[in-house]
Amino acid sequence: MLARRGRRWGTNWTERRALQALANPLQVSYVDDNRADKGRIMAKITYVEHGGKEHVVDVANGLTVMEGARDNGIPGIEADCGGACACSTCHVYVDAAWVGKLPKKDSMEEDMLDFAWQPDPVRSRLTCQLKVSDALDGLRVQMPEKQI
């Protein structure tokens, strides 16, 4: 059936969708790129490693910023809990220009950020709690020196 690679399916969003189609073709739908009314289905997210190396990635709407990093092999986001907001290993610093544009942190995210490496009270976020949409197109996040 489906071959599982480590803790995730496939290596990127496109491969994951292809594997889903093989498993159950009736549940997977595709966007026709030739439609006149097609909307943007991806947001461009820039992940900046602690050392300064940038990774600009298209992430599908509906995924989280953490899933975008994980599915595209971006180093620096470990995502040990898989997105359950039960750890702080997907901690990032959001670019200052984006802080006010993101949804507010809920109490669970605030609590988990207490365990993050050198959290910033304003810029720190858990990427598992940031759902990708058109509104996040252009988002820049920087990884901390390490995840704990």
N, C-alpha and C. Protein backbone atom coordinates (compact mmCIF):
# COMPACT_ATOMS: atom_id res chain seq x y z
N MET A 1 0.84 -1.19 0.00
CA MET A 1 0.00 0.00 0.00
C MET A 1 0.88 1.25 0.00
N LEU A 2 0.81 2.07 1.03
CA LEU A 2 1.62 3.27 1.11
C LEU A 2 2.88 3.00 1.91
N ALA A 3 3.99 3.45 1.39
CA ALA A 3 5.25 3.29 2.10
C ALA A 3 5.45 4.50 3.00
N ARG A 4 5.65 4.27 4.25
CA ARG A 4 5.82 5.37 5.19
C ARG A 4 7.30 5.68 5.34
N ARG A 5 7.64 6.95 5.26
CA ARG A 5 9.02 7.38 5.41
C ARG A 5 9.17 8.06 6.75
N GLY A 6 9.78 7.40 7.69
CA GLY A 6 9.98 8.02 9.00
C GLY A 6 8.66 8.32 9.66
N ARG A 7 8.50 9.58 10.12
CA ARG A 7 7.30 9.97 10.85
C ARG A 7 6.29 10.68 9.97
N ARG A 8 6.49 10.72 8.67
CA ARG A 8 5.57 11.47 7.81
C ARG A 8 5.34 10.72 6.51
N TRP A 9 4.31 11.11 5.81
CA TRP A 9 4.00 10.52 4.51
C TRP A 9 4.63 11.37 3.43
N GLY A 10 5.45 10.76 2.61
CA GLY A 10 6.02 11.49 1.48
C GLY A 10 7.02 12.53 1.93
N THR A 11 7.55 13.26 0.98
CA THR A 11 8.54 14.27 1.31
C THR A 11 8.03 15.68 1.09
N ASN A 12 6.93 15.83 0.37
CA ASN A 12 6.38 17.16 0.18
C ASN A 12 4.88 17.05 -0.09
N TRP A 13 4.25 18.18 -0.20
CA TRP A 13 2.80 18.20 -0.35
C TRP A 13 2.35 17.48 -1.61
N THR A 14 3.03 17.67 -2.72
CA THR A 14 2.64 17.05 -3.98
C THR A 14 2.74 15.54 -3.89
N GLU A 15 3.83 15.04 -3.32
CA GLU A 15 3.97 13.59 -3.18
C GLU A 15 2.92 13.03 -2.23
N ARG A 16 2.63 13.75 -1.14
CA ARG A 16 1.62 13.27 -0.20
C ARG A 16 0.25 13.16 -0.87
N ARG A 17 -0.11 14.16 -1.68
CA ARG A 17 -1.39 14.11 -2.39
C ARG A 17 -1.41 12.94 -3.38
N ALA A 18 -0.28 12.68 -4.04
CA ALA A 18 -0.22 11.56 -4.98
C ALA A 18 -0.39 10.23 -4.24
N LEU A 19 0.24 10.10 -3.07
CA LEU A 19 0.09 8.87 -2.29
C LEU A 19 -1.35 8.70 -1.81
N GLN A 20 -1.99 9.81 -1.43
CA GLN A 20 -3.39 9.74 -1.02
C GLN A 20 -4.27 9.29 -2.18
N ALA A 21 -3.97 9.78 -3.37
CA ALA A 21 -4.76 9.40 -4.54
C ALA A 21 -4.62 7.92 -4.83
N LEU A 22 -3.44 7.36 -4.63
CA LEU A 22 -3.24 5.93 -4.84
C LEU A 22 -4.02 5.12 -3.82
N ALA A 23 -4.05 5.60 -2.58
CA ALA A 23 -4.74 4.88 -1.52
C ALA A 23 -6.25 4.92 -1.68
N ASN A 24 -6.79 6.06 -2.05
CA ASN A 24 -8.23 6.20 -2.20
C ASN A 24 -8.53 7.31 -3.20
N PRO A 25 -8.58 7.00 -4.48
CA PRO A 25 -8.74 8.03 -5.51
C PRO A 25 -10.06 8.79 -5.44
N LEU A 26 -11.06 8.25 -4.75
CA LEU A 26 -12.35 8.94 -4.68
C LEU A 26 -12.35 10.07 -3.66
N GLN A 27 -11.38 10.09 -2.74
CA GLN A 27 -11.35 11.12 -1.71
C GLN A 27 -10.43 12.29 -2.04
N VAL A 28 -9.64 12.20 -3.08
CA VAL A 28 -8.70 13.25 -3.41
C VAL A 28 -9.23 14.06 -4.58
N SER A 29 -9.26 15.37 -4.40
CA SER A 29 -9.69 16.24 -5.49
C SER A 29 -8.52 17.12 -5.89
N TYR A 30 -8.48 17.49 -7.14
CA TYR A 30 -7.42 18.33 -7.66
C TYR A 30 -8.00 19.60 -8.23
N VAL A 31 -7.23 20.67 -8.18
CA VAL A 31 -7.65 21.94 -8.74
C VAL A 31 -7.23 21.96 -10.20
N ASP A 32 -8.16 22.31 -11.07
CA ASP A 32 -7.86 22.43 -12.49
C ASP A 32 -7.16 23.76 -12.71
N ASP A 33 -5.88 23.73 -13.08
CA ASP A 33 -5.11 24.96 -13.26
C ASP A 33 -5.60 25.81 -14.42
N ASN A 34 -6.47 25.30 -15.27
CA ASN A 34 -6.97 26.05 -16.41
C ASN A 34 -8.27 26.79 -16.11
N ARG A 35 -8.80 26.62 -14.90
CA ARG A 35 -10.04 27.31 -14.56
C ARG A 35 -9.82 28.80 -14.48
N ALA A 36 -10.76 29.55 -15.00
CA ALA A 36 -10.65 31.01 -14.97
C ALA A 36 -10.84 31.55 -13.55
N ASP A 37 -11.61 30.84 -12.72
CA ASP A 37 -11.91 31.34 -11.38
C ASP A 37 -11.01 30.76 -10.31
N LYS A 38 -9.90 30.15 -10.70
CA LYS A 38 -9.06 29.51 -9.69
C LYS A 38 -8.50 30.55 -8.73
N GLY A 39 -8.42 30.19 -7.47
CA GLY A 39 -7.85 31.05 -6.45
C GLY A 39 -6.45 30.59 -6.14
N ARG A 40 -5.74 31.38 -5.41
CA ARG A 40 -4.39 31.00 -4.99
C ARG A 40 -4.53 29.86 -3.99
N ILE A 41 -3.84 28.75 -4.24
CA ILE A 41 -3.93 27.62 -3.32
C ILE A 41 -2.64 27.44 -2.53
N MET A 42 -1.69 28.33 -2.72
CA MET A 42 -0.42 28.25 -2.02
C MET A 42 -0.04 29.63 -1.49
N ALA A 43 0.67 29.63 -0.38
CA ALA A 43 1.23 30.87 0.15
C ALA A 43 2.74 30.70 0.18
N LYS A 44 3.45 31.74 -0.16
CA LYS A 44 4.91 31.71 -0.15
C LYS A 44 5.38 32.08 1.26
N ILE A 45 6.09 31.14 1.90
CA ILE A 45 6.60 31.34 3.25
C ILE A 45 8.12 31.31 3.19
N THR A 46 8.77 32.24 3.88
CA THR A 46 10.23 32.26 3.95
C THR A 46 10.65 31.80 5.34
N TYR A 47 11.41 30.71 5.38
CA TYR A 47 11.97 30.17 6.61
C TYR A 47 13.45 30.55 6.64
N VAL A 48 13.87 31.19 7.72
CA VAL A 48 15.26 31.63 7.84
C VAL A 48 15.92 30.83 8.96
N GLU A 49 16.95 30.07 8.59
CA GLU A 49 17.69 29.29 9.58
C GLU A 49 18.41 30.23 10.54
N HIS A 50 18.81 29.72 11.69
CA HIS A 50 19.50 30.55 12.68
C HIS A 50 20.76 31.18 12.10
N GLY A 51 21.46 30.48 11.22
CA GLY A 51 22.66 31.00 10.59
C GLY A 51 22.41 32.00 9.48
N GLY A 52 21.15 32.19 9.09
CA GLY A 52 20.81 33.18 8.07
C GLY A 52 20.39 32.62 6.71
N LYS A 53 20.58 31.32 6.49
CA LYS A 53 20.19 30.73 5.20
C LYS A 53 18.66 30.76 5.07
N GLU A 54 18.19 31.24 3.91
CA GLU A 54 16.75 31.35 3.67
C GLU A 54 16.24 30.23 2.79
N HIS A 55 15.02 29.79 3.09
CA HIS A 55 14.31 28.80 2.28
C HIS A 55 12.94 29.39 1.96
N VAL A 56 12.68 29.66 0.70
CA VAL A 56 11.38 30.20 0.28
C VAL A 56 10.58 29.03 -0.29
N VAL A 57 9.42 28.76 0.31
CA VAL A 57 8.65 27.57 -0.01
C VAL A 57 7.19 27.94 -0.27
N ASP A 58 6.57 27.31 -1.25
CA ASP A 58 5.13 27.42 -1.45
C ASP A 58 4.47 26.38 -0.56
N VAL A 59 3.56 26.83 0.32
CA VAL A 59 2.86 25.95 1.24
C VAL A 59 1.38 26.02 0.93
N ALA A 60 0.76 24.87 0.83
CA ALA A 60 -0.66 24.80 0.48
C ALA A 60 -1.54 25.40 1.57
N ASN A 61 -2.53 26.15 1.15
CA ASN A 61 -3.53 26.67 2.09
C ASN A 61 -4.15 25.48 2.83
N GLY A 62 -4.41 25.68 4.11
CA GLY A 62 -5.01 24.62 4.92
C GLY A 62 -3.99 23.86 5.74
N LEU A 63 -2.73 23.83 5.31
CA LEU A 63 -1.68 23.21 6.11
C LEU A 63 -1.23 24.23 7.15
N THR A 64 -0.34 23.81 8.03
CA THR A 64 0.24 24.75 8.98
C THR A 64 1.64 25.14 8.51
N VAL A 65 2.16 26.21 9.07
CA VAL A 65 3.51 26.65 8.74
C VAL A 65 4.51 25.54 9.11
N MET A 66 4.22 24.81 10.20
CA MET A 66 5.07 23.69 10.61
C MET A 66 5.05 22.58 9.56
N GLU A 67 3.88 22.24 9.04
CA GLU A 67 3.78 21.19 8.02
C GLU A 67 4.52 21.59 6.75
N GLY A 68 4.48 22.88 6.42
CA GLY A 68 5.22 23.36 5.26
C GLY A 68 6.71 23.15 5.42
N ALA A 69 7.22 23.41 6.62
CA ALA A 69 8.65 23.20 6.89
C ALA A 69 8.98 21.71 6.88
N ARG A 70 8.17 20.93 7.55
CA ARG A 70 8.41 19.49 7.64
C ARG A 70 8.36 18.83 6.26
N ASP A 71 7.35 19.14 5.49
CA ASP A 71 7.16 18.51 4.19
C ASP A 71 8.20 18.91 3.16
N ASN A 72 8.87 20.03 3.40
CA ASN A 72 9.89 20.50 2.46
C ASN A 72 11.31 20.38 3.01
N GLY A 73 11.46 19.64 4.10
CA GLY A 73 12.79 19.36 4.64
C GLY A 73 13.55 20.57 5.16
N ILE A 74 12.82 21.54 5.70
CA ILE A 74 13.47 22.75 6.23
C ILE A 74 14.09 22.41 7.59
N PRO A 75 15.41 22.60 7.73
CA PRO A 75 16.03 22.31 9.03
C PRO A 75 15.69 23.38 10.06
N GLY A 76 15.63 22.95 11.32
CA GLY A 76 15.40 23.91 12.40
C GLY A 76 14.03 23.83 13.02
N ILE A 77 13.09 23.12 12.38
CA ILE A 77 11.77 22.90 12.97
C ILE A 77 11.62 21.39 13.12
N GLU A 78 11.65 20.93 14.37
CA GLU A 78 11.64 19.49 14.63
C GLU A 78 10.23 18.90 14.68
N ALA A 79 9.28 19.63 15.24
CA ALA A 79 7.87 19.19 15.27
C ALA A 79 7.71 17.83 15.91
N ASP A 80 8.27 17.63 17.09
CA ASP A 80 8.23 16.34 17.76
C ASP A 80 6.82 15.83 18.05
N CYS A 81 5.89 16.73 18.36
CA CYS A 81 4.53 16.27 18.70
C CYS A 81 3.63 16.17 17.47
N GLY A 82 4.16 16.49 16.32
CA GLY A 82 3.38 16.35 15.08
C GLY A 82 2.30 17.41 14.89
N GLY A 83 2.35 18.47 15.65
CA GLY A 83 1.38 19.54 15.47
C GLY A 83 0.27 19.57 16.50
N ALA A 84 0.43 18.85 17.60
CA ALA A 84 -0.61 18.78 18.63
C ALA A 84 -0.50 19.88 19.68
N CYS A 85 0.42 20.81 19.51
CA CYS A 85 0.66 21.88 20.47
C CYS A 85 0.97 21.29 21.85
N ALA A 86 1.82 20.24 21.85
CA ALA A 86 2.19 19.56 23.08
C ALA A 86 3.69 19.65 23.35
N CYS A 87 4.40 20.46 22.57
CA CYS A 87 5.83 20.68 22.77
C CYS A 87 6.15 22.06 22.22
N SER A 88 7.42 22.40 22.19
CA SER A 88 7.79 23.71 21.64
C SER A 88 8.85 23.57 20.55
N THR A 89 8.92 22.41 19.92
CA THR A 89 9.99 22.15 18.94
C THR A 89 9.69 22.67 17.54
N CYS A 90 8.65 23.46 17.40
CA CYS A 90 8.38 24.14 16.13
C CYS A 90 8.36 25.66 16.34
N HIS A 91 9.04 26.09 17.40
CA HIS A 91 9.11 27.50 17.78
C HIS A 91 9.88 28.31 16.73
N VAL A 92 9.36 29.48 16.40
CA VAL A 92 10.04 30.42 15.50
C VAL A 92 9.84 31.84 16.02
N TYR A 93 10.63 32.75 15.46
CA TYR A 93 10.44 34.18 15.68
C TYR A 93 9.83 34.74 14.41
N VAL A 94 8.66 35.31 14.51
CA VAL A 94 7.96 35.89 13.37
C VAL A 94 8.58 37.25 13.06
N ASP A 95 8.76 37.54 11.78
CA ASP A 95 9.26 38.84 11.36
C ASP A 95 8.38 39.93 11.98
N ALA A 96 9.00 40.98 12.46
CA ALA A 96 8.28 42.06 13.16
C ALA A 96 7.12 42.63 12.34
N ALA A 97 7.27 42.68 11.02
CA ALA A 97 6.20 43.22 10.17
C ALA A 97 4.97 42.34 10.15
N TRP A 98 5.10 41.09 10.57
CA TRP A 98 3.99 40.14 10.53
C TRP A 98 3.31 39.92 11.87
N VAL A 99 3.88 40.38 12.94
CA VAL A 99 3.35 40.10 14.28
C VAL A 99 1.87 40.50 14.40
N GLY A 100 1.52 41.68 13.96
CA GLY A 100 0.14 42.16 14.08
C GLY A 100 -0.82 41.57 13.07
N LYS A 101 -0.31 40.88 12.06
CA LYS A 101 -1.16 40.30 11.02
C LYS A 101 -1.60 38.87 11.33
N LEU A 102 -0.99 38.26 12.33
CA LEU A 102 -1.29 36.87 12.66
C LEU A 102 -2.39 36.80 13.70
N PRO A 103 -3.12 35.67 13.73
CA PRO A 103 -4.12 35.50 14.80
C PRO A 103 -3.43 35.51 16.17
N LYS A 104 -4.15 35.91 17.18
CA LYS A 104 -3.61 35.95 18.54
C LYS A 104 -3.27 34.54 19.01
N LYS A 105 -2.30 34.45 19.91
CA LYS A 105 -1.93 33.18 20.52
C LYS A 105 -3.03 32.78 21.50
N ASP A 106 -3.38 31.48 21.48
CA ASP A 106 -4.33 31.03 22.50
C ASP A 106 -3.54 30.63 23.74
N SER A 107 -4.24 30.30 24.82
CA SER A 107 -3.57 30.03 26.10
C SER A 107 -2.68 28.78 26.03
N MET A 108 -3.06 27.79 25.25
CA MET A 108 -2.25 26.58 25.14
C MET A 108 -0.91 26.90 24.46
N GLU A 109 -0.95 27.70 23.39
CA GLU A 109 0.29 28.09 22.73
C GLU A 109 1.16 28.92 23.67
N GLU A 110 0.56 29.85 24.39
CA GLU A 110 1.30 30.66 25.37
C GLU A 110 2.01 29.75 26.38
N ASP A 111 1.29 28.74 26.89
CA ASP A 111 1.88 27.82 27.86
C ASP A 111 3.05 27.05 27.27
N MET A 112 2.92 26.55 26.05
CA MET A 112 3.99 25.78 25.41
C MET A 112 5.20 26.65 25.10
N LEU A 113 4.97 27.91 24.78
CA LEU A 113 6.10 28.82 24.50
C LEU A 113 6.98 29.05 25.73
N ASP A 114 6.43 28.81 26.93
CA ASP A 114 7.25 28.91 28.14
C ASP A 114 8.39 27.90 28.13
N PHE A 115 8.25 26.81 27.35
CA PHE A 115 9.26 25.76 27.28
C PHE A 115 10.21 25.93 26.10
N ALA A 116 9.99 26.94 25.27
CA ALA A 116 10.80 27.16 24.07
C ALA A 116 12.15 27.75 24.43
N TRP A 117 13.10 27.61 23.50
CA TRP A 117 14.43 28.19 23.66
C TRP A 117 14.35 29.70 23.47
N GLN A 118 14.67 30.46 24.49
CA GLN A 118 14.71 31.91 24.47
C GLN A 118 13.50 32.54 23.76
N PRO A 119 12.30 32.32 24.31
CA PRO A 119 11.11 32.89 23.67
C PRO A 119 11.09 34.41 23.76
N ASP A 120 10.59 35.02 22.71
CA ASP A 120 10.40 36.47 22.67
C ASP A 120 8.92 36.70 22.96
N PRO A 121 8.57 37.53 23.92
CA PRO A 121 7.16 37.71 24.29
C PRO A 121 6.28 38.20 23.14
N VAL A 122 6.86 38.89 22.17
CA VAL A 122 6.07 39.42 21.06
C VAL A 122 6.19 38.57 19.81
N ARG A 123 7.41 38.19 19.43
CA ARG A 123 7.65 37.55 18.13
C ARG A 123 7.59 36.03 18.12
N SER A 124 7.67 35.37 19.28
CA SER A 124 7.68 33.90 19.31
C SER A 124 6.30 33.32 19.00
N ARG A 125 6.31 32.31 18.13
CA ARG A 125 5.09 31.57 17.80
C ARG A 125 5.45 30.10 17.61
N LEU A 126 4.45 29.24 17.77
CA LEU A 126 4.58 27.83 17.42
C LEU A 126 3.99 27.67 16.03
N THR A 127 4.79 27.17 15.11
CA THR A 127 4.34 27.09 13.72
C THR A 127 3.21 26.09 13.53
N CYS A 128 3.03 25.17 14.47
CA CYS A 128 1.91 24.22 14.35
C CYS A 128 0.57 24.91 14.57
N GLN A 129 0.59 26.11 15.12
CA GLN A 129 -0.63 26.85 15.40
C GLN A 129 -0.93 27.93 14.37
N LEU A 130 -0.12 28.01 13.32
CA LEU A 130 -0.33 29.01 12.27
C LEU A 130 -0.84 28.33 11.01
N LYS A 131 -2.12 28.42 10.77
CA LYS A 131 -2.75 27.82 9.60
C LYS A 131 -2.48 28.69 8.37
N VAL A 132 -2.00 28.05 7.31
CA VAL A 132 -1.65 28.78 6.08
C VAL A 132 -2.92 29.15 5.32
N SER A 133 -2.96 30.40 4.87
CA SER A 133 -4.04 30.91 4.03
C SER A 133 -3.44 31.98 3.13
N ASP A 134 -4.25 32.52 2.24
CA ASP A 134 -3.78 33.61 1.38
C ASP A 134 -3.24 34.77 2.21
N ALA A 135 -3.79 34.98 3.40
CA ALA A 135 -3.37 36.09 4.25
C ALA A 135 -1.92 35.94 4.73
N LEU A 136 -1.36 34.72 4.69
CA LEU A 136 0.01 34.50 5.13
C LEU A 136 1.02 34.53 3.98
N ASP A 137 0.57 34.84 2.78
CA ASP A 137 1.48 34.90 1.64
C ASP A 137 2.55 35.95 1.90
N GLY A 138 3.82 35.53 1.92
CA GLY A 138 4.93 36.44 2.18
C GLY A 138 5.46 36.38 3.60
N LEU A 139 4.86 35.55 4.45
CA LEU A 139 5.29 35.43 5.84
C LEU A 139 6.77 35.05 5.92
N ARG A 140 7.48 35.67 6.88
CA ARG A 140 8.89 35.35 7.15
C ARG A 140 9.00 34.92 8.61
N VAL A 141 9.64 33.77 8.82
CA VAL A 141 9.89 33.29 10.18
C VAL A 141 11.35 32.91 10.31
N GLN A 142 11.91 33.13 11.49
CA GLN A 142 13.30 32.77 11.74
C GLN A 142 13.36 31.73 12.85
N MET A 143 14.16 30.69 12.64
CA MET A 143 14.31 29.65 13.62
C MET A 143 15.25 30.10 14.74
N PRO A 144 14.99 29.63 15.96
CA PRO A 144 15.92 29.94 17.05
C PRO A 144 17.20 29.13 16.90
N GLU A 145 18.17 29.41 17.78
CA GLU A 145 19.45 28.69 17.73
C GLU A 145 19.25 27.20 17.87
N LYS A 146 18.30 26.79 18.71
CA LYS A 146 17.98 25.37 18.88
C LYS A 146 16.56 25.21 19.36
N GLN A 147 16.04 24.01 19.26
CA GLN A 147 14.70 23.68 19.74
C GLN A 147 14.87 22.79 20.98
N ILE A 148 14.03 23.01 21.99
CA ILE A 148 14.08 22.17 23.18
C ILE A 148 12.70 21.68 23.53
